[in-house]
C-alpha atoms as a PDB file:
ATOM      1  CA  MET A   1       0.000   0.000   0.000  1.00  0.00           C
ATOM      2  CA  CYS A   2       1.280   3.450  -0.841  1.00  0.00           C
ATOM      3  CA  PHE A   3      -0.062   6.824   0.281  1.00  0.00           C
ATOM      4  CA  LYS A   4       0.155   9.321  -2.573  1.00  0.00           C
ATOM      5  CA  ILE A   5       0.637  12.899  -1.375  1.00  0.00           C
ATOM      6  CA  GLY A   6       1.495  15.943  -3.457  1.00  0.00           C
ATOM      7  CA  THR A   7       1.683  19.721  -3.276  1.00  0.00           C
ATOM      8  CA  PHE A   8       0.053  22.308  -5.481  1.00  0.00           C
ATOM      9  CA  LEU A   9       2.706  23.831  -7.742  1.00  0.00           C
ATOM     10  CA  SER A  10       0.681  26.801  -8.948  1.00  0.00           C
ATOM     11  CA  GLY A  11      -2.542  28.698  -8.444  1.00  0.00           C
ATOM     12  CA  PRO A  12      -4.101  30.079  -5.275  1.00  0.00           C
ATOM     13  CA  ARG A  13      -3.269  26.951  -3.241  1.00  0.00           C
ATOM     14  CA  ILE A  14       0.439  26.858  -4.189  1.00  0.00           C
ATOM     15  CA  GLY A  15       2.512  25.005  -1.601  1.00  0.00           C
ATOM     16  CA  GLU A  16      -0.488  23.339   0.069  1.00  0.00           C
ATOM     17  CA  ILE A  17      -0.510  19.562   0.470  1.00  0.00           C
ATOM     18  CA  HIS A  18      -3.174  17.485  -1.232  1.00  0.00           C
ATOM     19  CA  ASN A  19      -4.030  13.790  -1.069  1.00  0.00           C
ATOM     20  CA  HIS A  20      -4.010  11.686  -4.257  1.00  0.00           C
ATOM     21  CA  GLY A  21      -5.375   8.693  -2.363  1.00  0.00           C
ATOM     22  CA  ILE A  22      -4.087   5.225  -1.527  1.00  0.00           C
ATOM     23  CA  ASP A  23      -2.501   2.947  -4.104  1.00  0.00           C
ATOM     24  CA  PHE A  24      -2.814  -0.829  -3.684  1.00  0.00           C
ATOM     25  CA  ALA A  25      -0.690  -3.078  -5.884  1.00  0.00           C
ATOM     26  CA  ILE A  26       0.242  -6.744  -6.082  1.00  0.00           C
ATOM     27  CA  LEU A  27       3.596  -7.712  -7.539  1.00  0.00           C
ATOM     28  CA  GLU A  28       3.382 -10.125 -10.462  1.00  0.00           C
ATOM     29  CA  SER A  29       5.749 -12.455  -8.628  1.00  0.00           C
ATOM     30  CA  ASP A  30       3.242 -12.659  -5.731  1.00  0.00           C
ATOM     31  CA  LEU A  31       0.186 -13.532  -7.828  1.00  0.00           C
ATOM     32  CA  LYS A  32       0.843 -17.260  -7.355  1.00  0.00           C
ATOM     33  CA  GLU A  33       0.338 -16.722  -3.602  1.00  0.00           C
ATOM     34  CA  ILE A  34      -3.297 -15.665  -4.035  1.00  0.00           C
ATOM     35  CA  TYR A  35      -4.381 -17.385  -7.278  1.00  0.00           C
ATOM     36  CA  GLU A  36      -4.092 -20.958  -8.472  1.00  0.00           C
ATOM     37  CA  PRO A  37      -2.329 -21.409 -11.813  1.00  0.00           C
ATOM     38  CA  ILE A  38      -4.426 -22.210 -14.878  1.00  0.00           C
ATOM     39  CA  PHE A  39      -2.858 -24.662 -17.293  1.00  0.00           C
ATOM     40  CA  LYS A  40      -3.947 -24.771 -20.914  1.00  0.00           C
ATOM     41  CA  GLY A  41      -3.152 -27.679 -23.142  1.00  0.00           C
END
């Protein structure tokens, strides 16, 4: 999980902090930990 924070670079709110939200990601190498493999053939 990653918290995405930024600051306004221009306009009336220049320098103020704003929240871009929370980012949730799963590494491709970890997919096998939560999903079963599907074999075709």
